[in-house]
Protein backbone atom coordinates (compact mmCIF):
# COMPACT_ATOMS: atom_id res chain seq x y z
CA MET A 1 0.09 0.26 -0.03
CA ASN A 2 1.57 3.38 -1.24
CA GLU A 3 0.02 6.16 0.75
CA GLN A 4 2.24 9.03 -1.15
CA SER A 5 0.50 7.95 -4.47
CA THR A 6 -2.68 9.08 -6.09
CA PRO A 7 -5.40 7.08 -4.29
CA ILE A 8 -7.45 4.96 -6.41
CA LEU A 9 -10.52 6.10 -4.61
CA GLU A 10 -11.75 9.48 -2.97
CA MET A 11 -15.18 10.05 -1.66
CA LYS A 12 -15.56 13.90 -0.43
CA HIS A 13 -18.83 15.03 1.51
CA ILE A 14 -20.95 12.24 0.42
CA SER A 15 -24.75 12.21 1.21
CA LYS A 16 -27.33 10.46 0.89
CA ASP A 17 -31.04 10.44 1.58
CA PHE A 18 -34.31 8.49 1.17
CA PHE A 19 -37.57 9.94 1.06
CA GLY A 20 -36.48 12.49 3.70
CA ASN A 21 -34.70 10.07 5.83
CA LYS A 22 -30.79 10.77 5.84
CA VAL A 23 -28.79 7.97 5.86
CA LEU A 24 -25.18 9.42 4.71
CA GLN A 25 -23.88 12.80 6.16
CA ASP A 26 -20.76 14.09 5.06
CA VAL A 27 -18.71 10.77 4.32
CA ASN A 28 -14.98 11.67 3.45
CA PHE A 29 -12.11 8.89 2.96
CA THR A 30 -9.58 7.61 0.56
CA LEU A 31 -8.63 4.44 -0.62
CA HIS A 32 -4.91 3.47 -2.22
CA GLU A 33 -3.67 0.80 -4.41
CA GLY A 34 -3.21 -2.44 -2.65
CA GLU A 35 -5.27 -1.48 0.71
CA ILE A 36 -7.52 -3.59 2.46
CA LEU A 37 -9.91 -1.12 4.28
CA GLY A 38 -12.40 -2.80 6.75
CA LEU A 39 -15.89 -0.96 6.75
CA VAL A 40 -17.53 -1.91 9.69
CA GLY A 41 -20.91 -0.60 11.64
CA GLU A 42 -24.00 -1.23 12.93
CA ASN A 43 -26.85 -2.23 10.70
CA GLY A 44 -28.40 0.76 9.17
CA ALA A 45 -25.24 2.92 9.60
CA GLY A 46 -24.87 3.57 6.12
CA LYS A 47 -22.02 0.86 4.65
CA SER A 48 -24.01 -0.77 2.08
CA THR A 49 -25.49 2.61 0.92
CA LEU A 50 -22.28 4.05 0.70
CA MET A 51 -20.88 1.13 -1.35
CA ASN A 52 -24.07 1.08 -3.69
CA ILE A 53 -23.21 5.03 -4.56
CA LEU A 54 -19.71 3.79 -5.51
CA PHE A 55 -21.16 1.39 -7.95
CA ALA A 56 -23.91 2.91 -9.15
CA MET A 57 -26.73 0.93 -8.16
CA ASP A 58 -30.30 1.45 -9.39
CA SER A 59 -31.28 2.09 -5.65
CA ILE A 60 -29.54 5.23 -5.79
CA LYS A 61 -30.07 6.74 -8.83
CA ASN A 62 -33.57 5.78 -8.51
CA THR A 63 -33.83 7.97 -5.48
CA GLY A 64 -32.34 11.14 -6.47
CA GLY A 65 -28.75 10.51 -6.69
CA TYR A 66 -26.47 11.74 -4.11
CA GLY A 67 -24.47 14.59 -3.12
CA GLY A 68 -20.73 15.34 -2.93
CA GLU A 69 -18.05 14.10 -4.89
CA MET A 70 -16.15 10.57 -6.09
CA LEU A 71 -12.75 10.59 -7.78
CA ILE A 72 -10.91 7.66 -9.37
CA ASP A 73 -7.06 8.26 -9.89
CA GLY A 74 -7.79 11.71 -8.77
CA GLU A 75 -10.36 12.61 -11.52
CA VAL A 76 -14.27 13.06 -10.61
CA VAL A 77 -16.54 10.61 -12.10
CA HIS A 78 -19.74 10.34 -12.47
CA PHE A 79 -21.25 6.54 -13.15
CA GLU A 80 -24.43 6.40 -14.73
CA SER A 81 -24.54 2.53 -14.65
CA SER A 82 -22.51 -0.31 -12.45
CA LEU A 83 -21.22 -1.16 -16.22
CA ASP A 84 -19.50 2.36 -15.66
CA ALA A 85 -17.70 1.36 -12.53
CA LEU A 86 -16.92 -2.00 -14.23
CA ARG A 87 -15.08 -0.03 -16.57
CA LYS A 88 -12.88 1.63 -13.87
CA GLY A 89 -12.12 -1.60 -12.44
CA ILE A 90 -14.55 -1.73 -9.60
CA GLY A 91 -16.14 -5.15 -8.72
CA MET A 92 -18.46 -5.70 -6.22
CA VAL A 93 -19.78 -8.82 -4.71
CA HIS A 94 -23.06 -8.30 -2.65
CA GLN A 95 -24.41 -9.73 0.36
CA GLU A 96 -27.15 -11.80 -1.42
CA PHE A 97 -26.41 -14.11 -4.28
CA SER A 98 -27.37 -13.52 -7.56
CA LEU A 99 -26.48 -16.76 -9.18
CA LEU A 100 -28.37 -18.65 -11.54
CA PRO A 101 -28.81 -22.36 -9.72
CA ASP A 102 -28.99 -24.47 -12.66
CA PHE A 103 -25.77 -23.61 -14.12
CA THR A 104 -22.46 -24.49 -13.44
CA ALA A 105 -19.73 -22.69 -11.70
CA THR A 106 -17.82 -21.68 -14.88
CA GLU A 107 -21.29 -20.78 -16.75
CA ASN A 108 -22.08 -17.88 -13.27
CA ILE A 109 -18.83 -16.63 -13.68
CA VAL A 110 -18.52 -15.63 -17.41
CA LEU A 111 -22.51 -14.93 -17.41
CA ASN A 112 -23.36 -12.53 -20.40
CA ARG A 113 -19.38 -12.26 -21.14
CA GLU A 114 -19.19 -15.44 -22.81
CA PRO A 115 -16.85 -15.74 -25.50
CA GLN A 116 -17.67 -16.90 -28.65
CA LYS A 117 -16.67 -18.91 -31.69
CA ALA A 118 -17.78 -18.52 -35.35
CA SER A 119 -19.47 -21.12 -37.02
CA LEU A 120 -20.01 -21.82 -40.75
CA LEU A 121 -23.03 -19.97 -41.09
CA SER A 122 -21.73 -16.99 -39.40
CA ASP A 123 -20.18 -15.28 -42.43
CA LEU A 124 -23.37 -15.73 -44.03
CA PHE A 125 -25.89 -14.56 -41.23
CA GLY A 126 -23.94 -12.83 -38.60
CA ASP A 127 -22.60 -13.35 -35.15
CA ARG A 128 -26.14 -14.67 -33.91
CA MET A 129 -24.52 -18.02 -35.74
CA ASN A 130 -21.86 -17.93 -33.57
CA THR A 131 -21.43 -20.97 -30.63
CA LEU A 132 -20.13 -21.02 -27.28
CA ASP A 133 -16.61 -21.43 -26.86
CA ARG A 134 -16.58 -23.89 -24.18
CA LYS A 135 -12.87 -24.19 -23.81
CA GLN A 136 -12.03 -20.76 -23.65
CA MET A 137 -14.87 -20.23 -20.82
CA GLU A 138 -13.32 -23.10 -18.67
CA LYS A 139 -9.83 -21.00 -19.47
CA ILE A 140 -11.87 -17.97 -17.94
CA GLY A 141 -13.25 -19.69 -14.74
CA GLN A 142 -10.30 -21.85 -13.93
CA ARG A 143 -8.20 -18.82 -13.96
CA ALA A 144 -10.73 -16.67 -11.59
CA ILE A 145 -10.91 -19.33 -9.32
CA ASP A 146 -6.94 -19.97 -9.55
CA ARG A 147 -6.66 -16.25 -8.87
CA LEU A 148 -8.94 -16.57 -5.91
CA GLY A 149 -6.88 -19.37 -4.51
CA VAL A 150 -9.84 -21.38 -3.00
CA PRO A 151 -11.35 -25.17 -3.85
CA LEU A 152 -14.14 -24.66 -6.11
CA ASP A 153 -15.42 -27.42 -8.65
CA ALA A 154 -15.94 -25.37 -11.85
CA GLN A 155 -18.33 -27.79 -13.31
CA MET A 156 -20.75 -28.15 -10.17
CA PRO A 157 -24.00 -26.77 -10.52
CA VAL A 158 -24.71 -23.79 -8.29
CA SER A 159 -27.79 -25.59 -7.18
CA GLN A 160 -25.60 -28.52 -5.57
CA MET A 161 -23.18 -26.05 -3.91
CA PRO A 162 -22.59 -25.66 0.09
CA VAL A 163 -23.56 -22.18 0.63
CA GLY A 164 -19.77 -21.45 0.85
CA HIS A 165 -18.85 -22.01 -2.37
CA LYS A 166 -21.78 -20.19 -3.87
CA GLN A 167 -19.90 -17.03 -2.26
CA PHE A 168 -16.46 -18.22 -3.93
CA THR A 169 -18.58 -18.31 -7.14
CA GLU A 170 -19.60 -14.55 -6.87
CA ILE A 171 -16.24 -13.35 -6.24
CA ALA A 172 -14.53 -15.13 -8.88
CA ARG A 173 -17.32 -14.05 -11.29
CA GLU A 174 -15.91 -10.58 -10.31
CA LEU A 175 -12.23 -11.26 -11.01
CA SER A 176 -12.92 -12.80 -13.97
CA LYS A 177 -14.24 -9.77 -15.11
CA ASP A 178 -10.47 -8.84 -16.15
CA ASP A 179 -11.08 -10.99 -19.33
CA GLY A 180 -13.62 -8.69 -20.49
CA GLU A 181 -13.17 -6.59 -23.59
CA ASP A 182 -15.16 -3.86 -22.05
CA VAL A 183 -12.96 -3.08 -19.29
CA GLU A 184 -10.97 -0.01 -19.26
CA HIS A 185 -8.64 -1.45 -16.61
CA GLU A 186 -8.13 -4.61 -14.66
CA ILE A 187 -10.17 -5.17 -11.79
CA ARG A 188 -8.23 -2.81 -9.02
CA LEU A 189 -10.91 -2.38 -6.39
CA LEU A 190 -12.99 -4.82 -4.96
CA VAL A 191 -16.15 -4.34 -2.81
CA LEU A 192 -16.75 -7.63 -0.53
CA ASP A 193 -19.90 -6.78 1.46
CA GLU A 194 -20.30 -9.80 4.42
CA PRO A 195 -18.43 -12.41 2.22
CA THR A 196 -17.46 -14.27 5.16
CA ALA A 197 -21.13 -14.16 6.54
CA VAL A 198 -21.98 -17.78 5.33
CA LEU A 199 -18.55 -19.28 5.58
CA SER A 200 -17.23 -21.99 8.00
CA GLU A 201 -14.23 -21.12 9.90
CA LYS A 202 -11.83 -22.81 7.22
CA GLU A 203 -13.44 -21.59 4.38
CA ALA A 204 -13.58 -18.07 6.12
CA GLU A 205 -9.45 -18.59 6.23
CA ASN A 206 -9.47 -19.53 2.78
CA LEU A 207 -11.00 -16.48 1.51
CA LEU A 208 -8.82 -14.19 3.83
CA ALA A 209 -5.59 -15.39 2.44
CA ALA A 210 -7.25 -14.75 -1.04
CA MET A 211 -7.86 -11.31 0.10
CA LYS A 212 -4.12 -11.04 1.15
CA LYS A 213 -3.05 -12.47 -2.19
CA LEU A 214 -5.12 -9.81 -4.00
CA SER A 215 -3.91 -7.09 -1.89
CA SER A 216 -0.10 -8.13 -2.77
CA GLU A 217 -1.09 -7.95 -6.44
CA GLY A 218 -2.27 -4.24 -6.19
CA VAL A 219 -5.80 -4.89 -5.83
CA ALA A 220 -7.33 -2.83 -3.24
CA ILE A 221 -10.29 -3.76 -1.33
CA ILE A 222 -12.91 -2.95 1.10
CA PHE A 223 -14.00 -5.41 3.20
CA ILE A 224 -17.57 -5.21 5.10
CA SER A 225 -17.66 -7.61 7.86
CA HIS A 226 -19.15 -8.00 11.46
CA ARG A 227 -16.88 -10.61 12.23
CA LEU A 228 -14.45 -7.89 13.86
CA GLN A 229 -11.76 -10.66 14.14
CA GLU A 230 -11.64 -10.99 10.45
CA ILE A 231 -11.36 -7.42 10.29
CA ILE A 232 -8.05 -7.10 12.52
CA ASP A 233 -6.48 -10.02 10.75
CA VAL A 234 -6.85 -9.01 7.53
CA CYS A 235 -7.20 -5.05 6.82
CA ASP A 236 -4.50 -2.43 6.55
CA SER A 237 -7.15 0.15 7.96
CA ILE A 238 -10.28 0.43 9.70
CA MET A 239 -13.24 2.83 8.82
CA VAL A 240 -16.22 2.65 11.29
CA MET A 241 -19.46 3.83 10.38
CA ARG A 242 -22.47 4.99 12.83
CA ASP A 243 -25.97 6.88 11.96
CA GLY A 244 -24.86 7.84 8.24
CA ARG A 245 -21.36 9.03 9.49
CA ILE A 246 -17.69 8.11 9.89
CA ILE A 247 -16.76 8.11 13.52
CA GLN A 248 -13.39 6.82 13.07
CA LYS A 249 -10.89 5.79 9.94
CA VAL A 250 -7.82 4.64 11.59
CA GLU A 251 -4.55 2.23 10.45
CA ASN A 252 -4.98 -1.18 11.88
CA ARG A 253 -2.39 -0.67 14.25
CA ASN A 254 -2.70 -1.98 18.22
CA VAL A 255 -6.58 -2.20 17.52
CA ASN A 256 -8.43 -4.83 19.51
CA ILE A 257 -12.41 -5.81 19.17
CA SER A 258 -13.68 -4.05 22.06
CA ASP A 259 -12.11 -0.71 20.36
CA ILE A 260 -14.03 -1.51 17.21
CA ALA A 261 -17.03 -2.26 19.16
CA ASN A 262 -17.07 0.51 21.24
CA TRP A 263 -16.85 2.89 18.17
CA MET A 264 -19.76 1.35 16.12
CA VAL A 265 -22.26 1.32 19.18
CA GLY A 266 -21.07 4.10 21.30
CA ARG A 267 -20.94 2.10 24.31
CA GLU A 268 -19.39 -0.54 26.33
CA VAL A 269 -19.38 -4.01 24.80
CA ASP A 270 -18.38 -6.89 26.40
CA VAL A 271 -17.57 -9.42 23.22
CA SER A 272 -15.85 -11.90 25.88
CA HIS A 273 -18.49 -13.09 28.21
CA ILE A 274 -20.02 -16.56 28.06
CA GLU A 275 -22.21 -17.33 30.44
CA HIS A 276 -22.85 -21.33 31.08
CA ARG A 277 -25.98 -22.24 33.34
CA ASP A 278 -26.32 -25.76 34.86
CA PHE A 279 -28.99 -28.07 33.01
CA ASN A 280 -30.26 -30.94 34.89
CA TYR A 281 -30.37 -33.28 32.27
CA GLN A 282 -31.23 -36.24 34.77
CA LYS A 283 -34.67 -34.44 35.93
CA THR A 284 -35.54 -33.31 32.24
CA PRO A 285 -37.43 -35.27 29.81
CA ILE A 286 -36.88 -35.48 26.08
CA ASP A 287 -38.61 -32.69 24.04
CA LEU A 288 -37.98 -34.04 20.56
CA SER A 289 -36.25 -36.95 19.32
CA ILE A 290 -34.87 -37.44 15.76
CA ARG A 291 -34.02 -40.62 14.35
CA HIS A 292 -32.14 -41.76 10.89
CA LEU A 293 -33.00 -38.69 9.85
CA TRP A 294 -31.81 -38.12 5.96
CA VAL A 295 -32.64 -34.97 4.09
CA ASN A 296 -32.40 -34.38 0.26
CA MET A 297 -31.04 -30.91 -0.03
CA PRO A 298 -28.62 -29.53 -2.63
CA GLY A 299 -25.52 -28.84 -1.30
CA GLU A 300 -26.19 -30.47 2.00
CA ILE A 301 -25.36 -34.23 3.53
CA VAL A 302 -27.84 -35.54 5.76
CA ARG A 303 -28.05 -39.18 5.38
CA ASP A 304 -28.51 -40.94 9.11
CA VAL A 305 -29.22 -37.97 11.59
CA ASN A 306 -29.86 -39.63 15.46
CA LEU A 307 -30.36 -36.59 18.28
CA ASP A 308 -32.03 -35.90 21.27
CA VAL A 309 -33.14 -32.43 22.73
CA TYR A 310 -34.23 -32.18 26.14
CA LYS A 311 -37.34 -29.77 27.23
CA GLY A 312 -36.35 -26.29 27.60
CA GLU A 313 -32.58 -26.85 26.33
CA ILE A 314 -30.64 -24.80 24.12
CA LEU A 315 -28.92 -27.32 21.56
CA GLY A 316 -26.26 -25.77 19.18
CA ILE A 317 -25.60 -27.57 15.80
CA GLY A 318 -22.34 -26.77 14.25
CA GLY A 319 -19.90 -28.14 11.65
CA LEU A 320 -18.35 -27.25 8.38
CA ALA A 321 -20.40 -25.88 5.26
CA GLY A 322 -22.05 -28.93 3.26
CA GLN A 323 -21.83 -31.55 5.88
CA GLY A 324 -25.56 -31.24 6.86
CA LYS A 325 -26.05 -28.54 9.90
CA LEU A 326 -28.37 -26.72 7.55
CA GLY A 327 -30.12 -29.88 5.94
CA ILE A 328 -31.30 -30.62 9.53
CA PRO A 329 -34.42 -28.06 10.24
CA ASN A 330 -34.76 -27.64 6.56
CA GLY A 331 -35.88 -31.23 6.65
CA VAL A 332 -37.38 -31.69 9.62
CA MET A 333 -39.71 -28.82 8.81
CA GLY A 334 -40.61 -29.98 5.62
CA LEU A 335 -38.52 -27.62 3.17
CA TYR A 336 -37.15 -30.38 1.47
CA PRO A 337 -37.50 -34.07 1.06
CA ALA A 338 -36.81 -35.83 4.18
CA GLY A 339 -37.22 -39.33 5.97
CA GLY A 340 -36.67 -40.96 8.90
CA SER A 341 -38.72 -40.31 12.42
CA VAL A 342 -39.14 -37.18 14.42
CA THR A 343 -40.93 -37.12 17.98
CA PHE A 344 -41.96 -34.34 19.75
CA GLN A 345 -43.17 -34.85 23.59
CA ASP A 346 -43.41 -38.50 22.65
CA LYS A 347 -45.61 -38.07 19.54
CA ALA A 348 -44.89 -38.93 15.82
CA GLN A 349 -44.42 -35.79 13.66
CA LEU A 350 -45.51 -35.96 9.82
CA LEU A 351 -42.63 -35.36 8.07
CA ASN A 352 -42.77 -33.56 4.27
CA SER A 353 -45.53 -31.76 6.12
CA PRO A 354 -44.84 -27.77 6.97
CA ARG A 355 -48.13 -27.23 7.93
CA SER A 356 -48.21 -30.39 10.18
CA LEU A 357 -45.08 -29.09 11.87
CA LEU A 358 -46.43 -25.61 12.28
CA ASP A 359 -49.67 -26.73 13.82
CA SER A 360 -47.56 -28.76 16.49
CA GLU A 361 -45.94 -25.12 17.71
CA PHE A 362 -43.02 -25.60 15.91
CA ALA A 363 -41.36 -22.59 14.14
CA PHE A 364 -38.26 -22.23 12.03
CA VAL A 365 -36.21 -19.21 11.30
CA SER A 366 -34.42 -20.08 8.07
CA GLU A 367 -31.01 -19.12 7.13
CA ASP A 368 -32.21 -17.78 3.63
CA ARG A 369 -34.41 -14.69 5.16
CA ARG A 370 -35.02 -13.63 1.69
CA GLY A 371 -35.99 -16.72 -0.08
CA VAL A 372 -38.13 -18.58 2.76
CA GLY A 373 -38.24 -16.09 5.55
CA LEU A 374 -39.74 -12.95 4.33
CA LEU A 375 -42.67 -11.26 2.55
CA LEU A 376 -40.38 -8.56 0.86
CA ASP A 377 -43.04 -6.46 -0.65
CA GLU A 378 -45.55 -6.53 2.34
CA SER A 379 -45.05 -4.36 5.55
CA LEU A 380 -43.38 -5.19 8.64
CA GLU A 381 -46.82 -5.69 10.41
CA TRP A 382 -47.69 -8.08 7.66
CA ASN A 383 -44.50 -9.96 7.97
CA VAL A 384 -44.64 -10.41 11.84
CA SER A 385 -48.61 -11.34 12.26
CA PHE A 386 -49.03 -13.22 8.97
CA GLY A 387 -47.91 -16.62 10.05
CA ALA A 388 -49.38 -16.63 13.63
CA MET A 389 -52.69 -15.60 11.88
CA GLN A 390 -52.59 -18.74 9.49
CA VAL A 391 -51.40 -20.99 11.83
CA LYS A 392 -52.87 -20.19 15.20
CA GLU A 393 -55.68 -17.81 14.24
CA LEU A 394 -54.08 -14.87 16.54
CA PHE A 395 -54.26 -11.54 15.77
CA LEU A 396 -58.01 -11.68 14.58
CA LYS A 397 -61.33 -10.55 15.79
CA LYS A 398 -64.08 -12.97 15.38
CA TYR A 399 -68.12 -12.82 15.29
CA GLY A 400 -69.42 -16.23 14.87
CA PRO A 401 -67.84 -17.87 11.41
CA VAL A 402 -66.59 -14.31 10.39
CA LYS A 403 -63.26 -13.50 11.05
CA TRP A 404 -61.22 -10.21 10.21
CA ARG A 405 -57.60 -8.91 11.29
CA ASP A 406 -57.43 -7.13 14.54
CA GLN A 407 -55.50 -3.95 13.15
CA LYS A 408 -54.61 -2.93 16.79
CA ALA A 409 -53.60 -6.18 17.89
CA ILE A 410 -51.18 -6.45 14.81
CA GLU A 411 -49.94 -2.75 15.36
CA GLU A 412 -49.00 -3.32 18.83
CA ILE A 413 -47.36 -7.08 18.43
CA THR A 414 -45.12 -5.45 15.58
CA ASP A 415 -44.07 -1.95 17.61
CA HIS A 416 -43.24 -4.50 20.43
CA TYR A 417 -40.60 -6.25 18.38
CA ILE A 418 -39.29 -3.10 16.91
CA LYS A 419 -38.69 -2.05 20.45
CA SER A 420 -37.44 -5.30 21.95
CA LEU A 421 -35.06 -6.07 19.20
CA GLN A 422 -34.27 -2.60 18.31
CA ILE A 423 -35.19 -2.79 14.55
CA ARG A 424 -34.24 0.11 12.49
CA CYS A 425 -37.10 1.62 10.28
CA THR A 426 -39.42 4.08 9.72
CA SER A 427 -42.46 2.53 11.16
CA SER A 428 -44.07 -0.57 11.31
CA LYS A 429 -46.01 0.57 7.74
CA GLN A 430 -42.52 -0.08 5.94
CA HIS A 431 -42.09 -2.46 3.66
CA ALA A 432 -39.52 -5.50 4.58
CA LYS A 433 -37.45 -5.25 1.49
CA GLU A 434 -36.59 -1.62 2.16
CA LEU A 435 -34.70 -2.57 5.78
CA SER A 436 -30.89 -3.58 5.93
CA GLY A 437 -30.16 -7.23 5.86
CA GLY A 438 -29.29 -7.50 9.80
CA ASN A 439 -32.69 -5.41 10.48
CA GLN A 440 -34.48 -8.08 7.85
CA GLN A 441 -33.45 -11.11 10.16
CA LYS A 442 -34.70 -9.65 13.39
CA ILE A 443 -38.13 -9.47 11.59
CA CYS A 444 -37.47 -13.10 10.48
CA LEU A 445 -37.19 -13.70 14.65
CA ALA A 446 -40.11 -11.44 15.41
CA LYS A 447 -42.54 -13.39 13.17
CA ALA A 448 -41.33 -16.52 14.88
CA PHE A 449 -41.86 -15.41 18.36
CA ALA A 450 -44.86 -14.21 17.39
CA MET A 451 -46.30 -17.82 16.93
CA ASN A 452 -45.81 -18.78 20.75
CA PRO A 453 -43.77 -22.00 19.49
CA LYS A 454 -42.86 -24.86 21.75
CA ILE A 455 -39.87 -26.21 19.51
CA LEU A 456 -37.78 -23.09 17.69
CA PHE A 457 -35.57 -24.17 14.80
CA VAL A 458 -32.87 -21.09 14.18
CA SER A 459 -30.57 -21.19 11.38
CA GLU A 460 -27.76 -18.66 11.33
CA PRO A 461 -29.66 -15.91 13.43
CA THR A 462 -26.82 -13.29 13.47
CA ARG A 463 -25.58 -13.76 9.85
CA GLY A 464 -24.69 -10.39 8.62
CA ILE A 465 -25.59 -8.60 12.14
CA ASP A 466 -23.09 -6.30 13.59
CA ILE A 467 -21.73 -7.34 16.56
CA GLY A 468 -24.17 -5.00 19.14
CA ALA A 469 -26.87 -6.57 16.92
CA LYS A 470 -25.82 -9.96 17.55
CA GLN A 471 -25.43 -9.74 21.33
CA LEU A 472 -28.88 -8.44 21.30
CA VAL A 473 -30.30 -11.51 19.19
CA LEU A 474 -28.51 -13.78 21.35
CA SER A 475 -29.93 -12.41 24.50
CA VAL A 476 -33.49 -12.30 22.99
CA LEU A 477 -33.37 -16.01 22.41
CA ARG A 478 -31.76 -16.70 25.62
CA GLU A 479 -34.41 -14.67 27.30
CA TYR A 480 -37.34 -16.67 25.64
CA ASN A 481 -35.96 -19.84 26.42
CA ARG A 482 -35.31 -19.07 29.92
CA VAL A 483 -39.04 -17.06 30.57
CA HIS A 484 -41.27 -19.05 28.02
CA GLY A 485 -39.44 -22.64 28.31
CA ILE A 486 -38.91 -22.90 24.59
CA THR A 487 -36.65 -25.38 23.63
CA ILE A 488 -34.35 -23.89 21.05
CA ILE A 489 -32.27 -25.85 18.51
CA MET A 490 -29.81 -23.30 16.94
CA VAL A 491 -27.51 -24.00 13.61
CA SER A 492 -24.50 -21.55 13.45
CA SER A 493 -21.34 -22.11 11.11
CA GLU A 494 -19.83 -19.49 14.00
CA LEU A 495 -18.52 -22.32 17.01
CA GLU A 496 -18.23 -18.94 19.53
CA GLU A 497 -21.53 -17.92 18.90
CA LEU A 498 -22.85 -21.29 19.73
CA ARG A 499 -20.53 -21.69 22.94
CA SER A 500 -21.79 -18.40 24.20
CA ILE A 501 -25.76 -19.45 24.35
CA CYS A 502 -26.00 -23.01 24.07
CA ASP A 503 -26.12 -25.83 27.02
CA ARG A 504 -24.56 -28.50 24.25
CA ILE A 505 -23.70 -28.50 20.68
CA ALA A 506 -23.57 -30.93 18.49
CA ILE A 507 -21.24 -31.59 15.67
CA VAL A 508 -22.35 -32.73 12.12
CA THR A 509 -19.94 -34.48 9.91
CA ASP A 510 -20.72 -36.15 6.85
CA GLY A 511 -24.23 -36.00 7.48
CA LYS A 512 -24.08 -37.65 10.81
CA VAL A 513 -24.04 -36.63 14.26
CA SER A 514 -19.89 -37.22 14.90
CA GLY A 515 -20.29 -36.19 18.84
CA ILE A 516 -21.98 -33.95 21.15
CA LEU A 517 -20.48 -31.81 23.74
CA PRO A 518 -21.22 -29.35 26.80
CA ALA A 519 -20.69 -25.76 25.25
CA ALA A 520 -18.08 -25.07 27.89
CA ALA A 521 -15.36 -27.89 26.31
CA PRO A 522 -12.55 -26.54 24.78
CA SER A 523 -12.59 -25.43 21.38
CA SER A 524 -10.12 -27.91 20.39
CA GLU A 525 -12.38 -30.85 21.12
CA PHE A 526 -15.24 -29.17 18.80
CA GLY A 527 -12.34 -29.11 16.36
CA LEU A 528 -11.73 -32.79 16.45
CA LEU A 529 -15.30 -33.68 15.87
CA MET A 530 -15.49 -31.52 13.04
CA VAL A 531 -12.92 -33.76 10.88
CA THR A 532 -14.59 -37.13 12.31
CA LYS A 533 -16.78 -39.27 10.63
CA GLY A 534 -20.08 -39.15 12.14
CA SER A 535 -21.06 -41.62 14.09
CA GLY A 536 -25.08 -41.22 13.73
CA LYS A 537 -25.53 -41.42 17.53
């Protein structure tokens, strides 16, 4: 990183409002060649909006543009579209995937930039008779994968990939744009928005190593992450945003997690506290029993899972990506074909029937908040209350056979969760799609809580959530478990997160449970289970 040279990027006095709501105020910063800048802040702090301005997203142009100036290599630029940003060597990997599931990694990497070769009919009928140059496509795809330096099967369809490999495919696609004829410069600035949020610890290590490799080649990187240790491990400088402003921009020298957390939230945050309770298993009945569960979920291996969960317990499920941890709740709740048996309070449950499980007072917060968890075009009120109305007939007024919505009750329950989960929104009438990713995740939790379940599955509940909100979500889960006696089964890619809230943690390997340990067990013991063949017990 050469701080004496002209910055690759300079943003001056950037401001932005959405319908009168000020989301960015007088933002100023520079980025130099080969610099890895860690961009952190609570959900709704303005990080994604700032990056959307950089990449000329339609969400900015269609809402009145922005104030201030943006300079590339010392020259003021006015991007009309993301293609203009790409031509200047800027690539961006968004938090939500934009891949075609039936296409291979290679086909997604070169999508809309496929090399062609002339056929015999091309001279007569023009380029429309060209065919795809498959060999060249494979070369471009493999070059991008090699440059990223991660294990990724170029010929695997996206629908069959573990979620971590989908993330690698997204990043490889941006890197491959160096091969395009439309690019004025090779990729010189790469924006990564929460790239490790869906990765296992090993996959995240691979990605951080790849970032360092790209930095050594002169590529500047803006790395948005809520995993603060990763920010410290890989970044040259750290920029903290709060309420649309830059609170700190410092070189990464002697900075610790507590410093960053305090800058982000403006208050003291305890990031090391792990609370373990004494759970009396001898006097507690088994609430949920899973036997010989198999699940046909693309990218996940669930072949023979056996698991007992005690009443009122918080059980964690961890393991490496693709080994089966995400498949368990998705299979039990009927989102993917499953077999085996599930018993709740000694009563057999009907698999492959989501409504039957919901009627048995199960609830599920999916890892796919946009695809499964939310009604994106509906209000927060409708998102929070709809499931409870459909399944339990809550928030309804009744007169004989006639039923209608109890709007006052809906508003009250939504406002309750907005306050208790500290959801940043303009009002309960706001559409779910307009919230930041972390606040969308909180709405998914509110939707589940509103159903008053007895069994709650939560998959990756803090994915894409900042450290302050993460503590809030985990404490809310613990509180609901304590006060309401809800049995919680929590799936997470972050072992320390599981250890901070769970009573026991089951590690899933090769589609089976390889072992179950108390949450207080040493991390090394969990690591050994992750590389041990599942026993099925």
